[in-house]
Protein backbone atom coordinates (compact mmCIF):
# COMPACT_ATOMS: atom_id res chain seq x y z
CA UNK A 1 36.59 -3.80 64.61
CA UNK A 2 36.02 -0.31 63.36
CA UNK A 3 33.29 -0.50 60.92
CA UNK A 4 32.43 3.48 60.29
CA UNK A 5 33.60 7.23 60.92
CA UNK A 6 30.71 9.50 60.72
CA UNK A 7 31.53 13.16 60.38
CA UNK A 8 29.00 15.53 61.49
CA UNK A 9 28.20 18.64 59.28
CA UNK A 10 25.76 21.46 59.15
CA UNK A 11 25.62 20.81 55.10
CA UNK A 12 25.35 17.28 54.39
CA UNK A 13 24.82 17.75 50.75
CA UNK A 14 28.02 19.68 50.49
CA UNK A 15 30.11 17.38 52.61
CA UNK A 16 28.90 14.20 51.09
CA UNK A 17 29.41 15.82 47.29
CA UNK A 18 33.26 16.41 48.45
CA UNK A 19 33.34 13.26 49.64
CA UNK A 20 31.84 11.66 46.27
CA UNK A 21 34.31 13.75 44.22
CA UNK A 22 37.24 12.34 46.30
CA UNK A 23 36.40 8.78 46.74
CA UNK A 24 34.84 8.33 43.15
CA UNK A 25 31.73 6.64 44.96
CA UNK A 26 28.21 7.34 45.35
CA UNK A 27 26.90 7.77 48.47
CA UNK A 28 23.95 5.93 49.76
CA UNK A 29 21.33 8.62 51.07
CA UNK A 30 19.58 6.71 53.66
CA UNK A 31 17.87 9.78 54.95
CA UNK A 32 17.95 13.40 53.92
CA UNK A 33 20.18 13.75 57.46
CA UNK A 34 22.50 10.88 56.89
CA UNK A 35 24.80 9.39 53.89
CA UNK A 36 26.89 6.67 53.70
CA UNK A 37 30.23 5.99 51.36
CA UNK A 38 30.89 2.43 51.65
CA UNK A 39 34.51 1.08 50.38
CA UNK A 40 34.49 -2.83 49.80
CA UNK A 41 36.79 -4.07 52.68
CA UNK A 42 37.33 -1.01 54.26
CA UNK A 43 35.65 1.33 56.78
CA UNK A 44 32.41 2.97 55.72
CA UNK A 45 32.73 6.66 55.72
CA UNK A 46 29.14 8.28 57.02
CA UNK A 47 28.39 11.94 57.00
CA UNK A 48 25.20 13.14 59.50
CA UNK A 49 23.60 16.67 60.12
CA UNK A 50 24.84 17.52 63.29
CA UNK A 51 21.21 17.66 64.73
CA UNK A 52 22.00 13.58 64.70
CA UNK A 53 23.84 13.71 67.76
CA UNK A 54 23.19 16.89 69.83
CA UNK A 55 26.46 16.41 72.20
CA UNK A 56 28.73 16.66 69.48
CA UNK A 57 29.61 20.28 67.55
CA UNK A 58 30.16 20.01 63.97
CA UNK A 59 33.20 20.90 61.83
CA UNK A 60 35.15 21.07 65.16
CA UNK A 61 37.98 18.44 64.65
CA UNK A 62 41.42 19.44 64.82
CA UNK A 63 43.31 16.07 65.85
CA UNK A 64 41.74 13.54 63.25
CA UNK A 65 42.96 13.01 59.90
CA UNK A 66 40.70 11.11 57.22
CA UNK A 67 43.45 9.14 55.29
CA UNK A 68 42.60 7.68 51.99
CA UNK A 69 45.25 5.28 50.14
CA UNK A 70 45.40 6.16 46.34
CA UNK A 71 47.88 5.21 43.23
CA UNK A 72 49.09 8.28 42.55
CA UNK A 73 48.74 11.07 45.29
CA UNK A 74 50.24 14.05 42.79
CA UNK A 75 47.67 12.70 40.26
CA UNK A 76 45.04 12.70 42.74
CA UNK A 77 46.07 16.08 44.21
CA UNK A 78 45.89 17.94 40.76
CA UNK A 79 42.59 16.33 39.88
CA UNK A 80 41.07 17.24 43.31
CA UNK A 81 42.71 20.79 43.36
CA UNK A 82 41.68 21.23 47.06
CA UNK A 83 40.86 24.99 48.29
CA UNK A 84 43.20 25.09 51.61
CA UNK A 85 46.02 22.80 51.02
CA UNK A 86 48.00 22.29 54.48
CA UNK A 87 51.05 20.29 52.77
CA UNK A 88 51.34 19.62 49.22
CA UNK A 89 52.53 16.06 47.68
CA UNK A 90 55.57 15.41 50.16
CA UNK A 91 57.70 12.05 50.43
CA UNK A 92 57.49 11.23 54.36
CA UNK A 93 60.08 9.53 56.39
CA UNK A 94 58.45 6.57 56.35
CA UNK A 95 57.82 5.80 52.78
CA UNK A 96 54.51 7.17 51.69
CA UNK A 97 54.16 10.00 49.46
CA UNK A 98 51.36 12.24 51.05
CA UNK A 99 49.41 15.58 50.53
CA UNK A 100 47.17 17.07 53.10
CA UNK A 101 44.13 19.54 52.77
CA UNK A 102 41.05 20.83 54.53
CA UNK A 103 37.52 19.44 53.61
CA UNK A 104 34.65 21.75 53.66
CA UNK A 105 33.94 21.54 57.28
CA UNK A 106 37.72 22.11 57.87
CA UNK A 107 38.71 18.46 58.49
CA UNK A 108 42.06 17.39 57.68
CA UNK A 109 42.10 14.76 54.99
CA UNK A 110 45.60 12.77 53.98
CA UNK A 111 45.93 11.46 50.66
CA UNK A 112 48.91 9.03 50.55
CA UNK A 113 50.79 6.51 48.18
CA UNK A 114 53.01 3.82 49.71
CA UNK A 115 56.52 4.27 47.77
CA UNK A 116 58.57 1.49 49.32
CA UNK A 117 58.17 -1.96 50.20
CA UNK A 118 57.85 -1.58 54.03
CA UNK A 119 55.46 1.08 53.48
CA UNK A 120 53.19 -1.03 50.98
CA UNK A 121 53.38 -4.07 53.60
CA UNK A 122 51.75 -1.69 56.55
CA UNK A 123 48.95 -0.71 54.09
């Protein structure tokens, strides 16, 4: 069972503030170099300083998307006003309305709202 996704960063405070604004949740700061944003019934999003995993490279992700289901992707996208938009709100062929942008460390973030019954059943 997947329990957590951890993002490594050189600026924990900035990345935590971004995801607190995105999720509307306050992070648990368990150490100056580590924080968790818990989502009941879902995967925990952790943010840690790059020094905690020396074998990894912070802010180097080019292939993984962090996806968040939201009630209204258009409203959330407008509320966040992301600096680097990859794709504005678009209805996808599989029944989701989706918007892609980058977080402060250049990680891809997808907000989506299932529009069809099939899409709602999958998420």
